[in-house]
Amino acid sequence: MTEPLYNNCFACGVDNPIGLKLKFDYTEGEAVTYFTVTNSFQGYPGIVHGGIIATLLDEAMAKIIIKKDLVAVTAELNVKYRKTIPLNEELKISGCIIKEKSRVVQTTGKIELNGVVLAEASALYIKIRS
């Protein structure tokens, strides 16, 4: 799937020089990427900044919505930081839709390291009226 409108997106844009440049794969109902957060996005020494964690989760959940050819914006994002997330480790980030009705899409996402959930999120997205 090509997403030319999003080339400058901080999370996924290929033309954003300071962005994360995330690339997702899709399975039935899930968006998944593997990503190593570098020292540029550090919070406390050796730990990924909480805002970057929220960004990773938001992007994974948004990507599965985009995959369904929907355009929606984040209305509410709740992140549970289960454990500190270390820098320079390959993380699995995933998002899925759990409910869709009318203009609201409800999603969940998680970040894992070696099968251990380090952070998880739930979010509500509102479809943009055309």
N, C-alpha and C. Protein backbone atom coordinates (compact mmCIF):
# COMPACT_ATOMS: atom_id res chain seq x y z
N MET A 1 0.86 -1.18 0.00
CA MET A 1 0.00 0.00 0.00
C MET A 1 0.90 1.24 0.00
N THR A 2 0.69 2.11 -0.94
CA THR A 2 1.44 3.36 -0.96
C THR A 2 0.56 4.45 -0.36
N GLU A 3 1.18 5.33 0.36
CA GLU A 3 0.45 6.39 1.04
C GLU A 3 1.11 7.74 0.74
N PRO A 4 1.02 8.21 -0.50
CA PRO A 4 1.73 9.44 -0.88
C PRO A 4 1.31 10.67 -0.09
N LEU A 5 0.09 10.70 0.40
CA LEU A 5 -0.37 11.87 1.16
C LEU A 5 0.33 11.99 2.51
N TYR A 6 0.97 10.92 2.93
CA TYR A 6 1.56 10.89 4.27
C TYR A 6 3.08 10.97 4.25
N ASN A 7 3.67 11.41 3.14
CA ASN A 7 5.12 11.41 3.02
C ASN A 7 5.84 12.26 4.07
N ASN A 8 5.17 13.24 4.65
CA ASN A 8 5.80 14.08 5.67
C ASN A 8 5.35 13.74 7.09
N CYS A 9 4.58 12.69 7.23
CA CYS A 9 4.13 12.25 8.56
C CYS A 9 5.35 11.96 9.45
N PHE A 10 5.30 12.42 10.70
CA PHE A 10 6.41 12.17 11.62
C PHE A 10 6.63 10.68 11.83
N ALA A 11 5.57 9.92 11.93
CA ALA A 11 5.70 8.50 12.25
C ALA A 11 6.05 7.65 11.02
N CYS A 12 5.39 7.90 9.89
CA CYS A 12 5.56 7.00 8.75
C CYS A 12 6.11 7.66 7.49
N GLY A 13 6.23 8.96 7.47
CA GLY A 13 6.62 9.65 6.25
C GLY A 13 8.05 9.38 5.81
N VAL A 14 8.18 8.99 4.56
CA VAL A 14 9.51 8.69 4.03
C VAL A 14 10.32 9.95 3.73
N ASP A 15 9.64 11.08 3.61
CA ASP A 15 10.34 12.34 3.30
C ASP A 15 10.62 13.20 4.53
N ASN A 16 10.23 12.74 5.69
CA ASN A 16 10.44 13.52 6.91
C ASN A 16 11.84 13.21 7.46
N PRO A 17 12.76 14.18 7.40
CA PRO A 17 14.15 13.90 7.80
C PRO A 17 14.33 13.57 9.28
N ILE A 18 13.40 13.99 10.13
CA ILE A 18 13.54 13.68 11.56
C ILE A 18 12.50 12.66 12.03
N GLY A 19 11.78 12.07 11.08
CA GLY A 19 10.71 11.13 11.41
C GLY A 19 11.20 9.72 11.70
N LEU A 20 10.25 8.89 12.10
CA LEU A 20 10.54 7.49 12.45
C LEU A 20 10.57 6.58 11.23
N LYS A 21 9.86 6.95 10.16
CA LYS A 21 9.82 6.18 8.91
C LYS A 21 9.32 4.74 9.12
N LEU A 22 8.28 4.59 9.91
CA LEU A 22 7.72 3.27 10.18
C LEU A 22 7.09 2.68 8.92
N LYS A 23 7.30 1.38 8.73
CA LYS A 23 6.70 0.64 7.62
C LYS A 23 5.93 -0.53 8.21
N PHE A 24 4.67 -0.65 7.84
CA PHE A 24 3.81 -1.66 8.43
C PHE A 24 3.50 -2.79 7.46
N ASP A 25 3.30 -3.97 8.03
CA ASP A 25 2.76 -5.13 7.33
C ASP A 25 1.37 -5.35 7.90
N TYR A 26 0.55 -6.04 7.12
CA TYR A 26 -0.84 -6.24 7.53
C TYR A 26 -1.21 -7.71 7.48
N THR A 27 -1.82 -8.17 8.56
CA THR A 27 -2.41 -9.49 8.58
C THR A 27 -3.91 -9.27 8.68
N GLU A 28 -4.66 -10.31 8.81
CA GLU A 28 -6.12 -10.16 8.92
C GLU A 28 -6.46 -9.35 10.17
N GLY A 29 -6.79 -8.09 9.95
CA GLY A 29 -7.24 -7.24 11.04
C GLY A 29 -6.16 -6.65 11.92
N GLU A 30 -4.90 -6.71 11.50
CA GLU A 30 -3.83 -6.18 12.36
C GLU A 30 -2.75 -5.51 11.52
N ALA A 31 -2.25 -4.38 12.03
CA ALA A 31 -1.09 -3.70 11.45
C ALA A 31 0.09 -3.99 12.36
N VAL A 32 1.23 -4.38 11.78
CA VAL A 32 2.40 -4.76 12.58
C VAL A 32 3.66 -4.16 11.97
N THR A 33 4.52 -3.65 12.84
CA THR A 33 5.85 -3.22 12.42
C THR A 33 6.86 -3.63 13.48
N TYR A 34 8.09 -3.75 13.06
CA TYR A 34 9.21 -3.98 13.98
C TYR A 34 10.10 -2.75 13.88
N PHE A 35 10.49 -2.22 15.02
CA PHE A 35 11.22 -0.96 15.01
C PHE A 35 12.16 -0.90 16.20
N THR A 36 13.35 -0.35 15.96
CA THR A 36 14.34 -0.13 17.00
C THR A 36 14.43 1.37 17.27
N VAL A 37 14.09 1.77 18.47
CA VAL A 37 14.14 3.19 18.85
C VAL A 37 15.58 3.54 19.24
N THR A 38 16.14 4.55 18.60
CA THR A 38 17.53 4.93 18.84
C THR A 38 17.64 5.99 19.94
N ASN A 39 18.86 6.33 20.28
CA ASN A 39 19.14 7.30 21.34
C ASN A 39 18.55 8.68 21.07
N SER A 40 18.24 8.99 19.82
CA SER A 40 17.64 10.30 19.49
C SER A 40 16.29 10.51 20.14
N PHE A 41 15.65 9.42 20.56
CA PHE A 41 14.31 9.49 21.13
C PHE A 41 14.29 9.02 22.58
N GLN A 42 15.37 9.33 23.27
CA GLN A 42 15.53 8.95 24.68
C GLN A 42 14.74 9.88 25.59
N GLY A 43 14.20 9.30 26.66
CA GLY A 43 13.64 10.07 27.77
C GLY A 43 14.71 10.06 28.85
N TYR A 44 14.50 9.24 29.87
CA TYR A 44 15.58 9.01 30.84
C TYR A 44 16.66 8.18 30.16
N PRO A 45 17.90 8.21 30.68
CA PRO A 45 18.98 7.46 30.05
C PRO A 45 18.61 5.99 29.81
N GLY A 46 18.77 5.57 28.55
CA GLY A 46 18.53 4.18 28.19
C GLY A 46 17.08 3.81 27.98
N ILE A 47 16.16 4.78 28.13
CA ILE A 47 14.73 4.48 28.08
C ILE A 47 14.06 5.34 27.00
N VAL A 48 13.14 4.72 26.25
CA VAL A 48 12.39 5.44 25.22
C VAL A 48 11.48 6.48 25.86
N HIS A 49 11.43 7.67 25.28
CA HIS A 49 10.58 8.76 25.75
C HIS A 49 9.11 8.34 25.64
N GLY A 50 8.32 8.66 26.65
CA GLY A 50 6.91 8.29 26.68
C GLY A 50 6.11 8.82 25.52
N GLY A 51 6.45 10.00 25.03
CA GLY A 51 5.75 10.56 23.88
C GLY A 51 5.99 9.76 22.61
N ILE A 52 7.18 9.20 22.48
CA ILE A 52 7.48 8.35 21.33
C ILE A 52 6.69 7.05 21.44
N ILE A 53 6.59 6.51 22.64
CA ILE A 53 5.80 5.29 22.85
C ILE A 53 4.35 5.54 22.43
N ALA A 54 3.78 6.66 22.85
CA ALA A 54 2.41 7.00 22.47
C ALA A 54 2.29 7.15 20.95
N THR A 55 3.29 7.75 20.32
CA THR A 55 3.29 7.92 18.87
C THR A 55 3.30 6.58 18.16
N LEU A 56 4.15 5.66 18.61
CA LEU A 56 4.22 4.34 17.99
C LEU A 56 2.88 3.62 18.07
N LEU A 57 2.25 3.68 19.22
CA LEU A 57 0.95 3.03 19.40
C LEU A 57 -0.13 3.69 18.56
N ASP A 58 -0.18 5.01 18.57
CA ASP A 58 -1.17 5.74 17.78
C ASP A 58 -1.02 5.40 16.30
N GLU A 59 0.19 5.34 15.83
CA GLU A 59 0.42 5.07 14.41
C GLU A 59 -0.01 3.65 14.03
N ALA A 60 0.30 2.68 14.87
CA ALA A 60 -0.11 1.29 14.58
C ALA A 60 -1.63 1.17 14.50
N MET A 61 -2.31 1.83 15.42
CA MET A 61 -3.77 1.77 15.42
C MET A 61 -4.35 2.54 14.24
N ALA A 62 -3.75 3.66 13.89
CA ALA A 62 -4.23 4.44 12.74
C ALA A 62 -4.00 3.69 11.43
N LYS A 63 -2.91 2.96 11.33
CA LYS A 63 -2.59 2.26 10.09
C LYS A 63 -3.62 1.21 9.73
N ILE A 64 -4.16 0.50 10.72
CA ILE A 64 -5.16 -0.52 10.40
C ILE A 64 -6.45 0.14 9.95
N ILE A 65 -6.71 1.34 10.44
CA ILE A 65 -7.88 2.10 9.97
C ILE A 65 -7.66 2.54 8.52
N ILE A 66 -6.48 3.06 8.23
CA ILE A 66 -6.16 3.49 6.87
C ILE A 66 -6.22 2.30 5.91
N LYS A 67 -5.77 1.15 6.37
CA LYS A 67 -5.80 -0.07 5.54
C LYS A 67 -7.22 -0.39 5.09
N LYS A 68 -8.21 -0.02 5.88
CA LYS A 68 -9.61 -0.25 5.53
C LYS A 68 -10.18 0.89 4.68
N ASP A 69 -9.29 1.73 4.16
CA ASP A 69 -9.68 2.88 3.34
C ASP A 69 -10.58 3.86 4.07
N LEU A 70 -10.36 4.00 5.37
CA LEU A 70 -11.08 4.98 6.17
C LEU A 70 -10.14 6.13 6.50
N VAL A 71 -10.68 7.32 6.64
CA VAL A 71 -9.90 8.47 7.09
C VAL A 71 -10.50 8.90 8.42
N ALA A 72 -9.68 8.81 9.46
CA ALA A 72 -10.15 9.12 10.81
C ALA A 72 -9.02 9.76 11.60
N VAL A 73 -9.39 10.57 12.57
CA VAL A 73 -8.40 11.24 13.42
C VAL A 73 -8.55 10.75 14.86
N THR A 74 -7.46 10.81 15.59
CA THR A 74 -7.46 10.38 16.98
C THR A 74 -8.31 11.34 17.82
N ALA A 75 -9.28 10.78 18.53
CA ALA A 75 -10.12 11.58 19.42
C ALA A 75 -9.73 11.34 20.87
N GLU A 76 -9.29 10.13 21.17
CA GLU A 76 -8.91 9.78 22.54
C GLU A 76 -7.85 8.69 22.46
N LEU A 77 -6.79 8.84 23.25
CA LEU A 77 -5.71 7.86 23.28
C LEU A 77 -5.33 7.61 24.73
N ASN A 78 -5.44 6.36 25.15
CA ASN A 78 -5.07 5.96 26.51
C ASN A 78 -3.92 4.97 26.44
N VAL A 79 -2.81 5.30 27.09
CA VAL A 79 -1.64 4.43 27.07
C VAL A 79 -1.37 3.91 28.47
N LYS A 80 -1.13 2.61 28.56
CA LYS A 80 -0.70 2.00 29.81
C LYS A 80 0.76 1.60 29.64
N TYR A 81 1.61 2.27 30.38
CA TYR A 81 3.05 2.01 30.33
C TYR A 81 3.33 0.91 31.35
N ARG A 82 3.43 -0.33 30.89
CA ARG A 82 3.58 -1.49 31.78
C ARG A 82 5.00 -1.61 32.34
N LYS A 83 5.98 -1.39 31.49
CA LYS A 83 7.39 -1.50 31.88
C LYS A 83 8.17 -0.44 31.10
N THR A 84 9.33 -0.08 31.59
CA THR A 84 10.16 0.83 30.81
C THR A 84 10.56 0.14 29.51
N ILE A 85 10.68 0.92 28.46
CA ILE A 85 11.04 0.37 27.15
C ILE A 85 12.46 0.79 26.83
N PRO A 86 13.35 -0.18 26.68
CA PRO A 86 14.76 0.15 26.45
C PRO A 86 15.01 0.63 25.02
N LEU A 87 15.99 1.49 24.90
CA LEU A 87 16.46 1.94 23.59
C LEU A 87 17.23 0.81 22.91
N ASN A 88 17.35 0.91 21.60
CA ASN A 88 18.21 0.03 20.80
C ASN A 88 17.86 -1.45 20.89
N GLU A 89 16.58 -1.74 21.05
CA GLU A 89 16.07 -3.11 21.02
C GLU A 89 14.96 -3.16 19.98
N GLU A 90 14.88 -4.25 19.21
CA GLU A 90 13.82 -4.36 18.22
C GLU A 90 12.49 -4.66 18.90
N LEU A 91 11.55 -3.75 18.71
CA LEU A 91 10.22 -3.85 19.32
C LEU A 91 9.21 -4.28 18.27
N LYS A 92 8.21 -5.02 18.72
CA LYS A 92 7.07 -5.34 17.86
C LYS A 92 5.94 -4.40 18.26
N ILE A 93 5.42 -3.66 17.30
CA ILE A 93 4.33 -2.71 17.55
C ILE A 93 3.15 -3.13 16.69
N SER A 94 1.97 -3.26 17.30
CA SER A 94 0.81 -3.72 16.55
C SER A 94 -0.44 -2.96 16.96
N GLY A 95 -1.39 -2.93 16.03
CA GLY A 95 -2.67 -2.28 16.29
C GLY A 95 -3.78 -3.01 15.57
N CYS A 96 -4.97 -3.00 16.17
CA CYS A 96 -6.12 -3.64 15.54
C CYS A 96 -7.41 -2.88 15.89
N ILE A 97 -8.40 -3.07 15.05
CA ILE A 97 -9.72 -2.49 15.28
C ILE A 97 -10.53 -3.48 16.10
N ILE A 98 -11.17 -2.99 17.15
CA ILE A 98 -12.03 -3.89 17.93
C ILE A 98 -13.51 -3.59 17.74
N LYS A 99 -13.82 -2.39 17.27
CA LYS A 99 -15.23 -2.06 17.05
C LYS A 99 -15.32 -0.85 16.12
N GLU A 100 -16.29 -0.92 15.23
CA GLU A 100 -16.52 0.21 14.33
C GLU A 100 -18.03 0.43 14.22
N LYS A 101 -18.45 1.65 14.48
CA LYS A 101 -19.86 1.97 14.29
C LYS A 101 -20.00 3.44 13.92
N SER A 102 -20.90 3.69 13.02
CA SER A 102 -21.16 5.04 12.58
C SER A 102 -19.85 5.76 12.26
N ARG A 103 -19.53 6.81 13.00
CA ARG A 103 -18.30 7.58 12.74
C ARG A 103 -17.16 7.24 13.69
N VAL A 104 -17.36 6.29 14.61
CA VAL A 104 -16.36 6.00 15.64
C VAL A 104 -15.69 4.65 15.37
N VAL A 105 -14.36 4.64 15.48
CA VAL A 105 -13.60 3.41 15.36
C VAL A 105 -12.83 3.23 16.67
N GLN A 106 -13.00 2.06 17.29
CA GLN A 106 -12.33 1.75 18.56
C GLN A 106 -11.19 0.77 18.27
N THR A 107 -10.01 1.06 18.80
CA THR A 107 -8.82 0.26 18.50
C THR A 107 -8.04 -0.10 19.76
N THR A 108 -7.15 -1.07 19.60
CA THR A 108 -6.18 -1.38 20.64
C THR A 108 -4.81 -1.54 19.98
N GLY A 109 -3.77 -1.35 20.77
CA GLY A 109 -2.42 -1.53 20.27
C GLY A 109 -1.51 -1.97 21.39
N LYS A 110 -0.35 -2.51 21.01
CA LYS A 110 0.62 -2.91 22.03
C LYS A 110 2.03 -2.87 21.47
N ILE A 111 2.96 -2.74 22.40
CA ILE A 111 4.39 -2.80 22.09
C ILE A 111 4.96 -3.96 22.88
N GLU A 112 5.66 -4.84 22.18
CA GLU A 112 6.23 -6.02 22.82
C GLU A 112 7.74 -6.11 22.57
N LEU A 113 8.42 -6.72 23.51
CA LEU A 113 9.83 -7.06 23.37
C LEU A 113 9.98 -8.51 23.79
N ASN A 114 10.39 -9.34 22.86
CA ASN A 114 10.55 -10.78 23.13
C ASN A 114 9.29 -11.39 23.74
N GLY A 115 8.12 -11.01 23.22
CA GLY A 115 6.86 -11.57 23.67
C GLY A 115 6.28 -10.98 24.94
N VAL A 116 6.99 -10.03 25.55
CA VAL A 116 6.51 -9.38 26.78
C VAL A 116 5.89 -8.04 26.41
N VAL A 117 4.66 -7.80 26.85
CA VAL A 117 3.99 -6.53 26.57
C VAL A 117 4.56 -5.45 27.48
N LEU A 118 5.13 -4.41 26.87
CA LEU A 118 5.73 -3.31 27.61
C LEU A 118 4.80 -2.11 27.72
N ALA A 119 3.95 -1.94 26.72
CA ALA A 119 2.97 -0.85 26.73
C ALA A 119 1.79 -1.28 25.89
N GLU A 120 0.62 -0.78 26.27
CA GLU A 120 -0.57 -1.06 25.47
C GLU A 120 -1.46 0.16 25.47
N ALA A 121 -2.32 0.22 24.48
CA ALA A 121 -3.16 1.41 24.33
C ALA A 121 -4.54 1.02 23.83
N SER A 122 -5.47 1.91 24.12
CA SER A 122 -6.79 1.86 23.50
C SER A 122 -7.05 3.27 22.98
N ALA A 123 -7.80 3.34 21.90
CA ALA A 123 -8.05 4.65 21.30
C ALA A 123 -9.39 4.68 20.60
N LEU A 124 -9.90 5.89 20.48
CA LEU A 124 -11.09 6.16 19.69
C LEU A 124 -10.69 7.10 18.57
N TYR A 125 -11.10 6.77 17.36
CA TYR A 125 -10.86 7.60 16.20
C TYR A 125 -12.21 8.02 15.64
N ILE A 126 -12.28 9.23 15.14
CA ILE A 126 -13.50 9.74 14.53
C ILE A 126 -13.28 9.86 13.03
N LYS A 127 -14.18 9.23 12.27
CA LYS A 127 -14.09 9.32 10.81
C LYS A 127 -14.36 10.75 10.37
N ILE A 128 -13.56 11.21 9.44
CA ILE A 128 -13.73 12.56 8.90
C ILE A 128 -14.83 12.51 7.84
N ARG A 129 -15.75 13.44 7.94
CA ARG A 129 -16.82 13.52 6.94
C ARG A 129 -16.26 14.03 5.64
N SER A 130 -16.70 13.41 4.55
CA SER A 130 -16.19 13.84 3.24
C SER A 130 -16.92 15.05 2.71
